Amino acid sequence: MKSNIAPVIEPLFYETGAKKTVPACPVDCVAWFHPYTSYHSYNPGDKDCDPKATQQLPFFVDKFGPKWTEFTTTAHEQLPGHHLEVSNLQAPSLT
């Protein structure tokens, strides 16, 4: 999903130089095995990428809803979303 969103998002952010706004650490998508969870979540990593940030996807949900929600939720959790917000608070990770 991120590869579909990236071409639209990339021109909006600086990837190099003094104005860099793109996080240095990636986000891993992982299964969330809690049986009562029905929503995606985001767990921030630390500034050194250990642990990495994760987007948790509920494992036991049969239908996530309309197909477009996968795009919007991924953008909401990753770039430009919570991952961008948290990474910018951890400024040393952006240099």
N, C-alpha and C. Protein backbone atom coordinates (compact mmCIF):
# COMPACT_ATOMS: atom_id res chain seq x y z
N MET A 1 0.82 -1.18 0.00
CA MET A 1 0.00 0.00 0.00
C MET A 1 0.87 1.25 0.00
N LYS A 2 1.94 1.20 0.77
CA LYS A 2 2.83 2.36 0.84
C LYS A 2 3.42 2.69 -0.52
N SER A 3 3.70 1.66 -1.34
CA SER A 3 4.26 1.92 -2.66
C SER A 3 3.24 2.60 -3.58
N ASN A 4 1.96 2.42 -3.32
CA ASN A 4 0.93 3.11 -4.10
C ASN A 4 0.77 4.57 -3.66
N ILE A 5 0.97 4.81 -2.38
CA ILE A 5 0.80 6.15 -1.82
C ILE A 5 2.05 7.01 -2.05
N ALA A 6 3.22 6.39 -2.03
CA ALA A 6 4.49 7.12 -2.09
C ALA A 6 4.60 8.09 -3.27
N PRO A 7 4.23 7.72 -4.51
CA PRO A 7 4.38 8.67 -5.62
C PRO A 7 3.56 9.95 -5.45
N VAL A 8 2.47 9.86 -4.73
CA VAL A 8 1.62 11.03 -4.49
C VAL A 8 2.19 11.88 -3.36
N ILE A 9 2.76 11.24 -2.37
CA ILE A 9 3.23 11.92 -1.16
C ILE A 9 4.64 12.48 -1.30
N GLU A 10 5.53 11.76 -1.97
CA GLU A 10 6.95 12.13 -2.00
C GLU A 10 7.23 13.57 -2.43
N PRO A 11 6.54 14.12 -3.43
CA PRO A 11 6.84 15.51 -3.82
C PRO A 11 6.51 16.54 -2.73
N LEU A 12 5.79 16.14 -1.71
CA LEU A 12 5.38 17.08 -0.66
C LEU A 12 6.40 17.23 0.46
N PHE A 13 7.43 16.39 0.49
CA PHE A 13 8.37 16.38 1.60
C PHE A 13 9.81 16.46 1.11
N TYR A 14 10.69 16.98 1.96
CA TYR A 14 12.12 17.01 1.67
C TYR A 14 12.74 15.71 2.16
N GLU A 15 13.47 15.02 1.27
CA GLU A 15 14.08 13.75 1.64
C GLU A 15 15.55 13.87 2.00
N THR A 16 16.18 14.99 1.63
CA THR A 16 17.60 15.21 1.93
C THR A 16 17.82 16.66 2.31
N GLY A 17 19.03 16.93 2.80
CA GLY A 17 19.42 18.30 3.09
C GLY A 17 18.96 18.80 4.45
N ALA A 18 19.16 20.09 4.66
CA ALA A 18 18.88 20.71 5.96
C ALA A 18 17.39 20.73 6.30
N LYS A 19 16.53 20.69 5.30
CA LYS A 19 15.09 20.74 5.53
C LYS A 19 14.44 19.36 5.54
N LYS A 20 15.22 18.30 5.69
CA LYS A 20 14.70 16.93 5.61
C LYS A 20 13.54 16.73 6.60
N THR A 21 12.43 16.23 6.08
CA THR A 21 11.25 15.99 6.92
C THR A 21 10.81 14.53 6.90
N VAL A 22 11.44 13.71 6.08
CA VAL A 22 11.06 12.30 5.97
C VAL A 22 11.78 11.50 7.05
N PRO A 23 11.08 10.65 7.77
CA PRO A 23 11.72 9.85 8.82
C PRO A 23 12.81 8.95 8.28
N ALA A 24 13.88 8.79 9.05
CA ALA A 24 14.99 7.92 8.66
C ALA A 24 14.67 6.45 8.89
N CYS A 25 13.81 6.16 9.83
CA CYS A 25 13.47 4.77 10.17
C CYS A 25 12.19 4.34 9.46
N PRO A 26 12.16 3.11 8.98
CA PRO A 26 10.95 2.62 8.31
C PRO A 26 9.89 2.17 9.31
N VAL A 27 8.72 1.86 8.77
CA VAL A 27 7.63 1.31 9.57
C VAL A 27 7.41 -0.13 9.12
N ASP A 28 7.32 -1.05 10.07
CA ASP A 28 7.00 -2.44 9.75
C ASP A 28 5.52 -2.68 9.96
N CYS A 29 4.88 -3.37 9.04
CA CYS A 29 3.50 -3.80 9.23
C CYS A 29 3.53 -5.18 9.85
N VAL A 30 2.84 -5.34 10.96
CA VAL A 30 2.84 -6.62 11.67
C VAL A 30 1.41 -7.02 12.01
N ALA A 31 1.20 -8.31 12.17
CA ALA A 31 -0.11 -8.82 12.56
C ALA A 31 -0.33 -8.56 14.05
N TRP A 32 -1.54 -8.19 14.39
CA TRP A 32 -1.91 -7.96 15.79
C TRP A 32 -2.86 -9.08 16.16
N PHE A 33 -2.41 -9.99 17.01
CA PHE A 33 -3.14 -11.21 17.31
C PHE A 33 -4.10 -11.09 18.48
N HIS A 34 -4.50 -9.90 18.85
CA HIS A 34 -5.49 -9.72 19.91
C HIS A 34 -6.87 -10.03 19.33
N PRO A 35 -7.61 -10.98 19.90
CA PRO A 35 -8.86 -11.42 19.28
C PRO A 35 -9.99 -10.39 19.26
N TYR A 36 -9.92 -9.36 20.10
CA TYR A 36 -11.01 -8.39 20.18
C TYR A 36 -10.69 -7.06 19.50
N THR A 37 -9.58 -6.99 18.80
CA THR A 37 -9.16 -5.75 18.15
C THR A 37 -9.71 -5.69 16.74
N SER A 38 -10.28 -4.53 16.38
CA SER A 38 -10.87 -4.39 15.04
C SER A 38 -10.35 -3.15 14.32
N TYR A 39 -9.20 -2.62 14.73
CA TYR A 39 -8.68 -1.40 14.14
C TYR A 39 -7.16 -1.49 14.00
N HIS A 40 -6.62 -0.73 13.07
CA HIS A 40 -5.17 -0.62 12.92
C HIS A 40 -4.63 0.23 14.07
N SER A 41 -3.37 0.03 14.40
CA SER A 41 -2.76 0.90 15.40
C SER A 41 -1.31 1.18 15.00
N TYR A 42 -0.73 2.15 15.66
CA TYR A 42 0.66 2.56 15.40
C TYR A 42 1.42 2.57 16.71
N ASN A 43 2.59 1.95 16.71
CA ASN A 43 3.49 2.01 17.86
C ASN A 43 4.79 2.65 17.39
N PRO A 44 5.18 3.76 17.99
CA PRO A 44 6.40 4.43 17.56
C PRO A 44 7.64 3.65 17.96
N GLY A 45 8.65 3.75 17.14
CA GLY A 45 9.96 3.21 17.50
C GLY A 45 10.74 4.30 18.22
N ASP A 46 12.02 4.04 18.41
CA ASP A 46 12.83 5.10 19.02
C ASP A 46 13.70 5.76 17.94
N LYS A 47 14.45 6.77 18.33
CA LYS A 47 15.21 7.56 17.36
C LYS A 47 16.31 6.77 16.68
N ASP A 48 16.72 5.63 17.26
CA ASP A 48 17.78 4.80 16.69
C ASP A 48 17.22 3.60 15.92
N CYS A 49 15.92 3.57 15.70
CA CYS A 49 15.24 2.49 14.97
C CYS A 49 15.32 1.15 15.69
N ASP A 50 15.48 1.16 16.99
CA ASP A 50 15.51 -0.08 17.75
C ASP A 50 14.73 0.10 19.03
N PRO A 51 13.50 -0.28 19.08
CA PRO A 51 12.76 -1.03 18.07
C PRO A 51 12.24 -0.11 16.96
N LYS A 52 11.90 -0.74 15.83
CA LYS A 52 11.31 0.01 14.73
C LYS A 52 9.87 0.36 15.06
N ALA A 53 9.36 1.36 14.38
CA ALA A 53 7.95 1.69 14.49
C ALA A 53 7.15 0.59 13.79
N THR A 54 5.94 0.34 14.28
CA THR A 54 5.10 -0.69 13.67
C THR A 54 3.68 -0.19 13.45
N GLN A 55 3.10 -0.63 12.36
CA GLN A 55 1.67 -0.47 12.13
C GLN A 55 1.09 -1.85 12.35
N GLN A 56 0.22 -1.98 13.35
CA GLN A 56 -0.35 -3.27 13.69
C GLN A 56 -1.69 -3.44 12.98
N LEU A 57 -1.82 -4.57 12.29
CA LEU A 57 -3.05 -4.87 11.57
C LEU A 57 -3.79 -5.98 12.30
N PRO A 58 -5.08 -5.79 12.58
CA PRO A 58 -5.83 -6.82 13.31
C PRO A 58 -5.90 -8.11 12.50
N PHE A 59 -5.53 -9.21 13.12
CA PHE A 59 -5.45 -10.49 12.44
C PHE A 59 -6.81 -11.17 12.30
N PHE A 60 -7.67 -11.01 13.28
CA PHE A 60 -8.92 -11.77 13.33
C PHE A 60 -10.12 -11.05 12.73
N VAL A 61 -9.90 -10.04 11.90
CA VAL A 61 -11.00 -9.32 11.26
C VAL A 61 -11.18 -9.87 9.85
N ASP A 62 -12.40 -10.32 9.55
CA ASP A 62 -12.67 -10.87 8.22
C ASP A 62 -12.77 -9.79 7.16
N LYS A 63 -13.44 -8.69 7.49
CA LYS A 63 -13.64 -7.61 6.53
C LYS A 63 -13.22 -6.29 7.17
N PHE A 64 -12.23 -5.64 6.57
CA PHE A 64 -11.76 -4.35 7.09
C PHE A 64 -12.68 -3.20 6.72
N GLY A 65 -13.57 -3.42 5.79
CA GLY A 65 -14.44 -2.35 5.31
C GLY A 65 -14.17 -2.07 3.85
N PRO A 66 -14.56 -0.92 3.34
CA PRO A 66 -14.32 -0.59 1.93
C PRO A 66 -12.83 -0.62 1.59
N LYS A 67 -12.50 -0.98 0.35
CA LYS A 67 -11.10 -1.08 -0.07
C LYS A 67 -10.33 0.22 0.12
N TRP A 68 -10.99 1.36 -0.07
CA TRP A 68 -10.27 2.64 0.05
C TRP A 68 -9.77 2.91 1.46
N THR A 69 -10.37 2.26 2.47
CA THR A 69 -9.91 2.51 3.84
C THR A 69 -8.49 2.00 4.07
N GLU A 70 -8.06 1.01 3.28
CA GLU A 70 -6.69 0.54 3.40
C GLU A 70 -5.71 1.65 3.03
N PHE A 71 -6.04 2.41 1.98
CA PHE A 71 -5.19 3.55 1.57
C PHE A 71 -5.19 4.63 2.64
N THR A 72 -6.36 5.01 3.09
CA THR A 72 -6.45 6.12 4.04
C THR A 72 -5.85 5.77 5.39
N THR A 73 -6.05 4.54 5.85
CA THR A 73 -5.50 4.14 7.14
C THR A 73 -3.99 4.04 7.08
N THR A 74 -3.46 3.50 6.00
CA THR A 74 -2.01 3.42 5.86
C THR A 74 -1.39 4.82 5.83
N ALA A 75 -2.01 5.73 5.11
CA ALA A 75 -1.52 7.11 5.09
C ALA A 75 -1.64 7.74 6.47
N HIS A 76 -2.71 7.45 7.17
CA HIS A 76 -2.93 8.01 8.50
C HIS A 76 -1.86 7.52 9.49
N GLU A 77 -1.49 6.26 9.39
CA GLU A 77 -0.53 5.68 10.33
C GLU A 77 0.92 5.94 9.94
N GLN A 78 1.20 5.92 8.63
CA GLN A 78 2.60 6.00 8.19
C GLN A 78 2.93 7.39 7.68
N LEU A 79 3.16 7.55 6.40
CA LEU A 79 3.59 8.84 5.86
C LEU A 79 2.51 9.40 4.97
N PRO A 80 1.92 10.49 5.17
CA PRO A 80 2.17 11.46 6.23
C PRO A 80 1.18 11.24 7.36
N GLY A 81 1.60 10.73 8.44
CA GLY A 81 0.69 10.44 9.54
C GLY A 81 1.43 10.40 10.85
N HIS A 82 1.02 9.46 11.70
CA HIS A 82 1.61 9.37 13.03
C HIS A 82 3.13 9.15 12.96
N HIS A 83 3.59 8.34 12.01
CA HIS A 83 5.02 8.07 11.92
C HIS A 83 5.80 9.36 11.63
N LEU A 84 5.28 10.18 10.75
CA LEU A 84 5.93 11.46 10.45
C LEU A 84 5.91 12.37 11.67
N GLU A 85 4.79 12.44 12.37
CA GLU A 85 4.68 13.30 13.55
C GLU A 85 5.66 12.88 14.64
N VAL A 86 5.68 11.60 14.96
CA VAL A 86 6.53 11.11 16.04
C VAL A 86 8.01 11.24 15.66
N SER A 87 8.35 10.90 14.42
CA SER A 87 9.74 11.00 13.98
C SER A 87 10.26 12.43 14.02
N ASN A 88 9.40 13.39 13.71
CA ASN A 88 9.83 14.78 13.77
C ASN A 88 10.01 15.27 15.20
N LEU A 89 9.37 14.64 16.15
CA LEU A 89 9.62 14.97 17.56
C LEU A 89 10.96 14.41 18.00
N GLN A 90 11.38 13.33 17.35
CA GLN A 90 12.67 12.72 17.64
C GLN A 90 13.69 13.26 16.64
N ALA A 91 13.88 14.54 16.62
CA ALA A 91 14.67 15.24 15.60
C ALA A 91 16.01 14.61 15.26
N PRO A 92 16.79 14.05 16.20
CA PRO A 92 18.07 13.47 15.80
C PRO A 92 17.94 12.36 14.77
N SER A 93 16.79 11.67 14.70
CA SER A 93 16.63 10.59 13.73
C SER A 93 16.50 11.10 12.31
N LEU A 94 16.28 12.39 12.14
CA LEU A 94 16.10 12.95 10.81
C LEU A 94 17.38 13.47 10.20
N THR A 95 18.46 13.44 10.93
CA THR A 95 19.71 13.98 10.39
C THR A 95 20.58 12.89 9.82
